[in-house]
Amino acid sequence: MDNVQNEWPLWEVFVRPKAGLDHKHCGSLHASDAKMAVRMAREVYTRRQEGVSIWVVRSDQIVASDPDQKDQLFEPADDKVYRHPTFYTLPDAVNHM
């Protein structure tokens, strides 16, 4: 079985909980295709029916920033205070933000 799993692609699993607004990363699994990845994710990460939606993404398809370049990527935002939502008040109806 280990040889088969080593040949199958790695999938990242995201689940939207019943009470949640966005998908949360739950973990990873090996599966032969997307359909199988969703089925396996349901079995592994939502055993108690705590989810309402599952996303699976092949790990090799994820593009991420380089942690070593965080200063040049995130530092420029500090001088643009207008991008921060501190100049207005949200109504109580929008309590999840």
PDB file of N, CA and C in Angstrom:
ATOM      1  N   MET A   1       0.827  -1.213   0.000  1.00  0.00           N
ATOM      2  CA  MET A   1       0.000   0.000   0.000  1.00  0.00           C
ATOM      3  C   MET A   1       0.857   1.256   0.000  1.00  0.00           C
ATOM      4  N   ASP A   2       2.024   1.226   0.669  1.00  0.00           N
ATOM      5  CA  ASP A   2       2.880   2.403   0.712  1.00  0.00           C
ATOM      6  C   ASP A   2       3.343   2.821  -0.671  1.00  0.00           C
ATOM      7  N   ASN A   3       3.653   1.860  -1.543  1.00  0.00           N
ATOM      8  CA  ASN A   3       4.079   2.192  -2.900  1.00  0.00           C
ATOM      9  C   ASN A   3       2.967   2.872  -3.673  1.00  0.00           C
ATOM     10  N   VAL A   4       1.742   2.396  -3.498  1.00  0.00           N
ATOM     11  CA  VAL A   4       0.608   3.009  -4.187  1.00  0.00           C
ATOM     12  C   VAL A   4       0.414   4.441  -3.706  1.00  0.00           C
ATOM     13  N   GLN A   5       0.446   4.667  -2.387  1.00  0.00           N
ATOM     14  CA  GLN A   5       0.245   6.012  -1.857  1.00  0.00           C
ATOM     15  C   GLN A   5       1.363   6.945  -2.291  1.00  0.00           C
ATOM     16  N   ASN A   6       2.582   6.436  -2.428  1.00  0.00           N
ATOM     17  CA  ASN A   6       3.682   7.282  -2.882  1.00  0.00           C
ATOM     18  C   ASN A   6       3.499   7.710  -4.327  1.00  0.00           C
ATOM     19  N   GLU A   7       2.767   6.923  -5.110  1.00  0.00           N
ATOM     20  CA  GLU A   7       2.513   7.275  -6.502  1.00  0.00           C
ATOM     21  C   GLU A   7       1.303   8.198  -6.642  1.00  0.00           C
ATOM     22  N   TRP A   8       0.373   8.118  -5.718  1.00  0.00           N
ATOM     23  CA  TRP A   8      -0.803   8.977  -5.776  1.00  0.00           C
ATOM     24  C   TRP A   8      -0.420  10.398  -5.381  1.00  0.00           C
ATOM     25  N   PRO A   9      -1.057  11.395  -5.996  1.00  0.00           N
ATOM     26  CA  PRO A   9      -0.753  12.779  -5.613  1.00  0.00           C
ATOM     27  C   PRO A   9      -1.252  13.114  -4.208  1.00  0.00           C
ATOM     28  N   LEU A  10      -0.623  14.100  -3.610  1.00  0.00           N
ATOM     29  CA  LEU A  10      -1.008  14.597  -2.293  1.00  0.00           C
ATOM     30  C   LEU A  10      -2.058  15.685  -2.482  1.00  0.00           C
ATOM     31  N   TRP A  11      -3.111  15.635  -1.698  1.00  0.00           N
ATOM     32  CA  TRP A  11      -4.214  16.603  -1.751  1.00  0.00           C
ATOM     33  C   TRP A  11      -4.314  17.313  -0.410  1.00  0.00           C
ATOM     34  N   GLU A  12      -4.543  18.617  -0.449  1.00  0.00           N
ATOM     35  CA  GLU A  12      -4.814  19.405   0.758  1.00  0.00           C
ATOM     36  C   GLU A  12      -6.325  19.473   0.924  1.00  0.00           C
ATOM     37  N   VAL A  13      -6.794  19.306   2.149  1.00  0.00           N
ATOM     38  CA  VAL A  13      -8.228  19.228   2.423  1.00  0.00           C
ATOM     39  C   VAL A  13      -8.671  20.441   3.235  1.00  0.00           C
ATOM     40  N   PHE A  14      -9.749  21.068   2.780  1.00  0.00           N
ATOM     41  CA  PHE A  14     -10.356  22.210   3.458  1.00  0.00           C
ATOM     42  C   PHE A  14     -11.820  21.878   3.706  1.00  0.00           C
ATOM     43  N   VAL A  15     -12.283  22.139   4.932  1.00  0.00           N
ATOM     44  CA  VAL A  15     -13.675  21.846   5.292  1.00  0.00           C
ATOM     45  C   VAL A  15     -14.327  23.108   5.830  1.00  0.00           C
ATOM     46  N   ARG A  16     -15.552  23.351   5.387  1.00  0.00           N
ATOM     47  CA  ARG A  16     -16.354  24.447   5.957  1.00  0.00           C
ATOM     48  C   ARG A  16     -17.237  23.840   7.032  1.00  0.00           C
ATOM     49  N   PRO A  17     -17.020  24.219   8.291  1.00  0.00           N
ATOM     50  CA  PRO A  17     -17.866  23.675   9.364  1.00  0.00           C
ATOM     51  C   PRO A  17     -19.273  24.251   9.299  1.00  0.00           C
ATOM     52  N   LYS A  18     -20.204  23.589   9.954  1.00  0.00           N
ATOM     53  CA  LYS A  18     -21.603  24.038   9.936  1.00  0.00           C
ATOM     54  C   LYS A  18     -21.746  25.470  10.417  1.00  0.00           C
ATOM     55  N   ALA A  19     -21.059  25.811  11.480  1.00  0.00           N
ATOM     56  CA  ALA A  19     -21.198  27.151  12.055  1.00  0.00           C
ATOM     57  C   ALA A  19     -20.205  28.147  11.445  1.00  0.00           C
ATOM     58  N   GLY A  20     -19.344  27.703  10.530  1.00  0.00           N
ATOM     59  CA  GLY A  20     -18.299  28.565  10.007  1.00  0.00           C
ATOM     60  C   GLY A  20     -18.675  29.283   8.725  1.00  0.00           C
ATOM     61  N   LEU A  21     -17.908  30.303   8.415  1.00  0.00           N
ATOM     62  CA  LEU A  21     -18.144  31.079   7.209  1.00  0.00           C
ATOM     63  C   LEU A  21     -17.154  30.732   6.105  1.00  0.00           C
ATOM     64  N   ASP A  22     -16.001  30.219   6.478  1.00  0.00           N
ATOM     65  CA  ASP A  22     -14.989  29.923   5.473  1.00  0.00           C
ATOM     66  C   ASP A  22     -14.415  28.531   5.683  1.00  0.00           C
ATOM     67  N   HIS A  23     -13.792  28.022   4.645  1.00  0.00           N
ATOM     68  CA  HIS A  23     -13.176  26.708   4.722  1.00  0.00           C
ATOM     69  C   HIS A  23     -11.888  26.788   5.534  1.00  0.00           C
ATOM     70  N   LYS A  24     -11.626  25.770   6.327  1.00  0.00           N
ATOM     71  CA  LYS A  24     -10.412  25.678   7.147  1.00  0.00           C
ATOM     72  C   LYS A  24      -9.598  24.489   6.674  1.00  0.00           C
ATOM     73  N   HIS A  25      -8.282  24.690   6.642  1.00  0.00           N
ATOM     74  CA  HIS A  25      -7.409  23.582   6.262  1.00  0.00           C
ATOM     75  C   HIS A  25      -7.429  22.535   7.364  1.00  0.00           C
ATOM     76  N   CYS A  26      -7.707  21.281   6.995  1.00  0.00           N
ATOM     77  CA  CYS A  26      -7.804  20.195   7.969  1.00  0.00           C
ATOM     78  C   CYS A  26      -6.602  19.274   7.919  1.00  0.00           C
ATOM     79  N   GLY A  27      -6.000  19.142   6.762  1.00  0.00           N
ATOM     80  CA  GLY A  27      -4.879  18.227   6.629  1.00  0.00           C
ATOM     81  C   GLY A  27      -4.678  17.823   5.191  1.00  0.00           C
ATOM     82  N   SER A  28      -3.949  16.729   5.013  1.00  0.00           N
ATOM     83  CA  SER A  28      -3.588  16.253   3.680  1.00  0.00           C
ATOM     84  C   SER A  28      -3.873  14.767   3.577  1.00  0.00           C
ATOM     85  N   LEU A  29      -4.020  14.296   2.337  1.00  0.00           N
ATOM     86  CA  LEU A  29      -4.174  12.866   2.093  1.00  0.00           C
ATOM     87  C   LEU A  29      -3.729  12.539   0.679  1.00  0.00           C
ATOM     88  N   HIS A  30      -3.431  11.280   0.442  1.00  0.00           N
ATOM     89  CA  HIS A  30      -3.072  10.803  -0.894  1.00  0.00           C
ATOM     90  C   HIS A  30      -4.302  10.159  -1.512  1.00  0.00           C
ATOM     91  N   ALA A  31      -4.576  10.486  -2.783  1.00  0.00           N
ATOM     92  CA  ALA A  31      -5.696   9.890  -3.506  1.00  0.00           C
ATOM     93  C   ALA A  31      -5.356   9.874  -4.990  1.00  0.00           C
ATOM     94  N   SER A  32      -5.983   8.967  -5.709  1.00  0.00           N
ATOM     95  CA  SER A  32      -5.671   8.822  -7.131  1.00  0.00           C
ATOM     96  C   SER A  32      -6.249   9.944  -7.982  1.00  0.00           C
ATOM     97  N   ASP A  33      -7.398  10.517  -7.574  1.00  0.00           N
ATOM     98  CA  ASP A  33      -8.007  11.607  -8.338  1.00  0.00           C
ATOM     99  C   ASP A  33      -8.857  12.467  -7.405  1.00  0.00           C
ATOM    100  N   ALA A  34      -9.420  13.530  -7.955  1.00  0.00           N
ATOM    101  CA  ALA A  34     -10.178  14.489  -7.143  1.00  0.00           C
ATOM    102  C   ALA A  34     -11.416  13.862  -6.513  1.00  0.00           C
ATOM    103  N   LYS A  35     -12.123  13.029  -7.274  1.00  0.00           N
ATOM    104  CA  LYS A  35     -13.338  12.404  -6.751  1.00  0.00           C
ATOM    105  C   LYS A  35     -13.008  11.526  -5.544  1.00  0.00           C
ATOM    106  N   MET A  36     -11.944  10.746  -5.668  1.00  0.00           N
ATOM    107  CA  MET A  36     -11.536   9.896  -4.555  1.00  0.00           C
ATOM    108  C   MET A  36     -11.050  10.733  -3.373  1.00  0.00           C
ATOM    109  N   ALA A  37     -10.382  11.840  -3.660  1.00  0.00           N
ATOM    110  CA  ALA A  37      -9.894  12.718  -2.590  1.00  0.00           C
ATOM    111  C   ALA A  37     -11.056  13.287  -1.777  1.00  0.00           C
ATOM    112  N   VAL A  38     -12.136  13.680  -2.450  1.00  0.00           N
ATOM    113  CA  VAL A  38     -13.310  14.203  -1.731  1.00  0.00           C
ATOM    114  C   VAL A  38     -13.931  13.110  -0.865  1.00  0.00           C
ATOM    115  N   ARG A  39     -14.066  11.901  -1.432  1.00  0.00           N
ATOM    116  CA  ARG A  39     -14.646  10.801  -0.654  1.00  0.00           C
ATOM    117  C   ARG A  39     -13.794  10.477   0.574  1.00  0.00           C
ATOM    118  N   MET A  40     -12.483  10.399   0.365  1.00  0.00           N
ATOM    119  CA  MET A  40     -11.597  10.083   1.483  1.00  0.00           C
ATOM    120  C   MET A  40     -11.586  11.210   2.513  1.00  0.00           C
ATOM    121  N   ALA A  41     -11.631  12.453   2.059  1.00  0.00           N
ATOM    122  CA  ALA A  41     -11.659  13.593   2.977  1.00  0.00           C
ATOM    123  C   ALA A  41     -12.915  13.558   3.839  1.00  0.00           C
ATOM    124  N   ARG A  42     -14.032  13.184   3.233  1.00  0.00           N
ATOM    125  CA  ARG A  42     -15.280  13.074   4.006  1.00  0.00           C
ATOM    126  C   ARG A  42     -15.136  12.020   5.092  1.00  0.00           C
ATOM    127  N   GLU A  43     -14.535  10.889   4.754  1.00  0.00           N
ATOM    128  CA  GLU A  43     -14.356   9.809   5.723  1.00  0.00           C
ATOM    129  C   GLU A  43     -13.379  10.175   6.833  1.00  0.00           C
ATOM    130  N   VAL A  44     -12.317  10.871   6.480  1.00  0.00           N
ATOM    131  CA  VAL A  44     -11.255  11.154   7.450  1.00  0.00           C
ATOM    132  C   VAL A  44     -11.538  12.405   8.273  1.00  0.00           C
ATOM    133  N   TYR A  45     -12.034  13.467   7.635  1.00  0.00           N
ATOM    134  CA  TYR A  45     -12.116  14.773   8.305  1.00  0.00           C
ATOM    135  C   TYR A  45     -13.524  15.204   8.712  1.00  0.00           C
ATOM    136  N   THR A  46     -14.555  14.468   8.324  1.00  0.00           N
ATOM    137  CA  THR A  46     -15.923  14.861   8.724  1.00  0.00           C
ATOM    138  C   THR A  46     -16.696  13.655   9.229  1.00  0.00           C
ATOM    139  N   ARG A  47     -16.096  12.872  10.064  1.00  0.00           N
ATOM    140  CA  ARG A  47     -16.729  11.642  10.573  1.00  0.00           C
ATOM    141  C   ARG A  47     -17.997  11.917  11.366  1.00  0.00           C
ATOM    142  N   ARG A  48     -18.055  13.037  12.030  1.00  0.00           N
ATOM    143  CA  ARG A  48     -19.213  13.348  12.873  1.00  0.00           C
ATOM    144  C   ARG A  48     -20.151  14.341  12.180  1.00  0.00           C
ATOM    145  N   GLN A  49     -20.079  14.392  10.873  1.00  0.00           N
ATOM    146  CA  GLN A  49     -20.934  15.263  10.054  1.00  0.00           C
ATOM    147  C   GLN A  49     -20.811  16.721  10.445  1.00  0.00           C
ATOM    148  N   GLU A  50     -19.578  17.153  10.782  1.00  0.00           N
ATOM    149  CA  GLU A  50     -19.394  18.534  11.204  1.00  0.00           C
ATOM    150  C   GLU A  50     -19.183  19.502  10.042  1.00  0.00           C
ATOM    151  N   GLY A  51     -19.126  19.006   8.825  1.00  0.00           N
ATOM    152  CA  GLY A  51     -18.882  19.882   7.693  1.00  0.00           C
ATOM    153  C   GLY A  51     -20.086  20.033   6.788  1.00  0.00           C
ATOM    154  N   VAL A  52     -20.098  21.120   6.031  1.00  0.00           N
ATOM    155  CA  VAL A  52     -21.144  21.329   5.034  1.00  0.00           C
ATOM    156  C   VAL A  52     -20.548  21.428   3.624  1.00  0.00           C
ATOM    157  N   SER A  53     -19.220  21.530   3.541  1.00  0.00           N
ATOM    158  CA  SER A  53     -18.560  21.636   2.246  1.00  0.00           C
ATOM    159  C   SER A  53     -17.107  21.194   2.384  1.00  0.00           C
ATOM    160  N   ILE A  54     -16.615  20.495   1.364  1.00  0.00           N
ATOM    161  CA  ILE A  54     -15.223  20.044   1.347  1.00  0.00           C
ATOM    162  C   ILE A  54     -14.568  20.533   0.064  1.00  0.00           C
ATOM    163  N   TRP A  55     -13.379  21.099   0.204  1.00  0.00           N
ATOM    164  CA  TRP A  55     -12.532  21.421  -0.947  1.00  0.00           C
ATOM    165  C   TRP A  55     -11.308  20.529  -0.886  1.00  0.00           C
ATOM    166  N   VAL A  56     -10.863  20.018  -2.021  1.00  0.00           N
ATOM    167  CA  VAL A  56      -9.583  19.334  -2.112  1.00  0.00           C
ATOM    168  C   VAL A  56      -8.782  19.996  -3.227  1.00  0.00           C
ATOM    169  N   VAL A  57      -7.513  20.200  -2.970  1.00  0.00           N
ATOM    170  CA  VAL A  57      -6.623  20.853  -3.936  1.00  0.00           C
ATOM    171  C   VAL A  57      -5.336  20.043  -3.999  1.00  0.00           C
ATOM    172  N   ARG A  58      -4.912  19.710  -5.201  1.00  0.00           N
ATOM    173  CA  ARG A  58      -3.637  19.003  -5.325  1.00  0.00           C
ATOM    174  C   ARG A  58      -2.522  19.891  -4.797  1.00  0.00           C
ATOM    175  N   SER A  59      -1.711  19.349  -3.944  1.00  0.00           N
ATOM    176  CA  SER A  59      -0.637  20.120  -3.318  1.00  0.00           C
ATOM    177  C   SER A  59       0.317  20.712  -4.330  1.00  0.00           C
ATOM    178  N   ASP A  60       0.570  19.990  -5.420  1.00  0.00           N
ATOM    179  CA  ASP A  60       1.506  20.512  -6.424  1.00  0.00           C
ATOM    180  C   ASP A  60       0.915  21.642  -7.259  1.00  0.00           C
ATOM    181  N   GLN A  61      -0.369  21.964  -7.052  1.00  0.00           N
ATOM    182  CA  GLN A  61      -1.014  23.070  -7.767  1.00  0.00           C
ATOM    183  C   GLN A  61      -1.088  24.345  -6.930  1.00  0.00           C
ATOM    184  N   ILE A  62      -0.645  24.278  -5.690  1.00  0.00           N
ATOM    185  CA  ILE A  62      -0.686  25.441  -4.808  1.00  0.00           C
ATOM    186  C   ILE A  62       0.566  26.279  -5.023  1.00  0.00           C
ATOM    187  N   VAL A  63       0.366  27.567  -5.197  1.00  0.00           N
ATOM    188  CA  VAL A  63       1.469  28.506  -5.342  1.00  0.00           C
ATOM    189  C   VAL A  63       1.519  29.348  -4.071  1.00  0.00           C
ATOM    190  N   ALA A  64       2.685  29.408  -3.460  1.00  0.00           N
ATOM    191  CA  ALA A  64       2.815  30.119  -2.188  1.00  0.00           C
ATOM    192  C   ALA A  64       3.955  31.122  -2.260  1.00  0.00           C
ATOM    193  N   SER A  65       3.871  32.133  -1.431  1.00  0.00           N
ATOM    194  CA  SER A  65       4.958  33.108  -1.331  1.00  0.00           C
ATOM    195  C   SER A  65       6.130  32.475  -0.592  1.00  0.00           C
ATOM    196  N   ASP A  66       7.292  33.023  -0.784  1.00  0.00           N
ATOM    197  CA  ASP A  66       8.508  32.540  -0.134  1.00  0.00           C
ATOM    198  C   ASP A  66       8.613  33.208   1.237  1.00  0.00           C
ATOM    199  N   PRO A  67       8.641  32.438   2.328  1.00  0.00           N
ATOM    200  CA  PRO A  67       8.737  33.037   3.662  1.00  0.00           C
ATOM    201  C   PRO A  67       9.979  33.916   3.841  1.00  0.00           C
ATOM    202  N   ASP A  68      11.037  33.639   3.095  1.00  0.00           N
ATOM    203  CA  ASP A  68      12.251  34.453   3.187  1.00  0.00           C
ATOM    204  C   ASP A  68      12.057  35.840   2.582  1.00  0.00           C
ATOM    205  N   GLN A  69      11.012  36.022   1.783  1.00  0.00           N
ATOM    206  CA  GLN A  69      10.750  37.318   1.157  1.00  0.00           C
ATOM    207  C   GLN A  69       9.573  38.042   1.804  1.00  0.00           C
ATOM    208  N   LYS A  70       9.253  37.666   3.038  1.00  0.00           N
ATOM    209  CA  LYS A  70       8.078  38.265   3.690  1.00  0.00           C
ATOM    210  C   LYS A  70       8.221  39.770   3.885  1.00  0.00           C
ATOM    211  N   ASP A  71       9.438  40.246   4.163  1.00  0.00           N
ATOM    212  CA  ASP A  71       9.615  41.681   4.387  1.00  0.00           C
ATOM    213  C   ASP A  71       9.252  42.487   3.150  1.00  0.00           C
ATOM    214  N   GLN A  72       9.738  42.113   2.009  1.00  0.00           N
ATOM    215  CA  GLN A  72       9.437  42.886   0.806  1.00  0.00           C
ATOM    216  C   GLN A  72       8.002  42.673   0.337  1.00  0.00           C
ATOM    217  N   LEU A  73       7.406  41.530   0.688  1.00  0.00           N
ATOM    218  CA  LEU A  73       6.034  41.262   0.258  1.00  0.00           C
ATOM    219  C   LEU A  73       5.011  41.971   1.142  1.00  0.00           C
ATOM    220  N   PHE A  74       5.245  41.990   2.451  1.00  0.00           N
ATOM    221  CA  PHE A  74       4.247  42.528   3.378  1.00  0.00           C
ATOM    222  C   PHE A  74       4.598  43.891   3.963  1.00  0.00           C
ATOM    223  N   GLU A  75       5.841  44.238   4.002  1.00  0.00           N
ATOM    224  CA  GLU A  75       6.272  45.503   4.605  1.00  0.00           C
ATOM    225  C   GLU A  75       5.656  46.731   3.933  1.00  0.00           C
ATOM    226  N   PRO A  76       5.575  46.798   2.617  1.00  0.00           N
ATOM    227  CA  PRO A  76       5.024  48.016   1.986  1.00  0.00           C
ATOM    228  C   PRO A  76       3.602  48.359   2.420  1.00  0.00           C
ATOM    229  N   ALA A  77       2.837  47.407   2.900  1.00  0.00           N
ATOM    230  CA  ALA A  77       1.461  47.680   3.314  1.00  0.00           C
ATOM    231  C   ALA A  77       1.399  48.560   4.561  1.00  0.00           C
ATOM    232  N   ASP A  78       2.474  48.591   5.347  1.00  0.00           N
ATOM    233  CA  ASP A  78       2.460  49.396   6.572  1.00  0.00           C
ATOM    234  C   ASP A  78       2.344  50.891   6.298  1.00  0.00           C
ATOM    235  N   ASP A  79       2.835  51.354   5.163  1.00  0.00           N
ATOM    236  CA  ASP A  79       2.779  52.784   4.879  1.00  0.00           C
ATOM    237  C   ASP A  79       1.486  53.191   4.166  1.00  0.00           C
ATOM    238  N   LYS A  80       0.570  52.280   3.996  1.00  0.00           N
ATOM    239  CA  LYS A  80      -0.703  52.579   3.339  1.00  0.00           C
ATOM    240  C   LYS A  80      -1.839  52.358   4.332  1.00  0.00           C
ATOM    241  N   VAL A  81      -1.934  53.251   5.290  1.00  0.00           N
ATOM    242  CA  VAL A  81      -2.918  53.085   6.359  1.00  0.00           C
ATOM    243  C   VAL A  81      -4.357  53.094   5.849  1.00  0.00           C
ATOM    244  N   TYR A  82      -4.576  53.682   4.689  1.00  0.00           N
ATOM    245  CA  TYR A  82      -5.925  53.722   4.149  1.00  0.00           C
ATOM    246  C   TYR A  82      -6.425  52.320   3.780  1.00  0.00           C
ATOM    247  N   ARG A  83      -5.540  51.345   3.700  1.00  0.00           N
ATOM    248  CA  ARG A  83      -5.943  49.974   3.396  1.00  0.00           C
ATOM    249  C   ARG A  83      -6.444  49.229   4.628  1.00  0.00           C
ATOM    250  N   HIS A  84      -6.224  49.778   5.793  1.00  0.00           N
ATOM    251  CA  HIS A  84      -6.657  49.137   7.023  1.00  0.00           C
ATOM    252  C   HIS A  84      -8.039  49.662   7.400  1.00  0.00           C
ATOM    253  N   PRO A  85      -8.962  48.786   7.762  1.00  0.00           N
ATOM    254  CA  PRO A  85     -10.337  49.217   8.042  1.00  0.00           C
ATOM    255  C   PRO A  85     -10.488  49.842   9.422  1.00  0.00           C
ATOM    256  N   THR A  86      -9.726  50.904   9.684  1.00  0.00           N
ATOM    257  CA  THR A  86      -9.796  51.539  11.001  1.00  0.00           C
ATOM    258  C   THR A  86     -10.510  52.887  10.947  1.00  0.00           C
ATOM    259  N   PHE A  87     -10.934  53.295   9.773  1.00  0.00           N
ATOM    260  CA  PHE A  87     -11.525  54.625   9.628  1.00  0.00           C
ATOM    261  C   PHE A  87     -13.042  54.615   9.612  1.00  0.00           C
ATOM    262  N   TYR A  88     -13.638  53.451   9.778  1.00  0.00           N
ATOM    263  CA  TYR A  88     -15.091  53.385   9.795  1.00  0.00           C
ATOM    264  C   TYR A  88     -15.535  52.266  10.730  1.00  0.00           C
ATOM    265  N   THR A  89     -16.779  52.363  11.144  1.00  0.00           N
ATOM    266  CA  THR A  89     -17.343  51.392  12.073  1.00  0.00           C
ATOM    267  C   THR A  89     -18.294  50.474  11.325  1.00  0.00           C
ATOM    268  N   LEU A  90     -18.186  49.179  11.591  1.00  0.00           N
ATOM    269  CA  LEU A  90     -19.090  48.224  10.968  1.00  0.00           C
ATOM    270  C   LEU A  90     -20.392  48.158  11.756  1.00  0.00           C
ATOM    271  N   PRO A  91     -21.500  48.009  11.082  1.00  0.00           N
ATOM    272  CA  PRO A  91     -22.787  47.864  11.790  1.00  0.00           C
ATOM    273  C   PRO A  91     -22.803  46.529  12.547  1.00  0.00           C
ATOM    274  N   ASP A  92     -23.622  46.457  13.573  1.00  0.00           N
ATOM    275  CA  ASP A  92     -23.725  45.241  14.392  1.00  0.00           C
ATOM    276  C   ASP A  92     -24.161  44.036  13.569  1.00  0.00           C
ATOM    277  N   ALA A  93     -24.908  44.246  12.504  1.00  0.00           N
ATOM    278  CA  ALA A  93     -25.376  43.143  11.669  1.00  0.00           C
ATOM    279  C   ALA A  93     -24.219  42.417  10.980  1.00  0.00           C
ATOM    280  N   VAL A  94     -23.075  43.047  10.900  1.00  0.00           N
ATOM    281  CA  VAL A  94     -21.897  42.455  10.260  1.00  0.00           C
ATOM    282  C   VAL A  94     -20.910  42.021  11.343  1.00  0.00           C
ATOM    283  N   ASN A  95     -21.370  41.254  12.283  1.00  0.00           N
ATOM    284  CA  ASN A  95     -20.568  40.909  13.448  1.00  0.00           C
ATOM    285  C   ASN A  95     -19.509  39.847  13.184  1.00  0.00           C
ATOM    286  N   HIS A  96     -19.498  39.206  12.037  1.00  0.00           N
ATOM    287  CA  HIS A  96     -18.548  38.138  11.780  1.00  0.00           C
ATOM    288  C   HIS A  96     -17.239  38.622  11.181  1.00  0.00           C
ATOM    289  N   MET A  97     -17.071  39.903  10.980  1.00  0.00           N
ATOM    290  CA  MET A  97     -15.834  40.386  10.378  1.00  0.00           C
ATOM    291  C   MET A  97     -14.893  40.745  11.443  1.00  0.00           C
TER     292      MET A  97
END
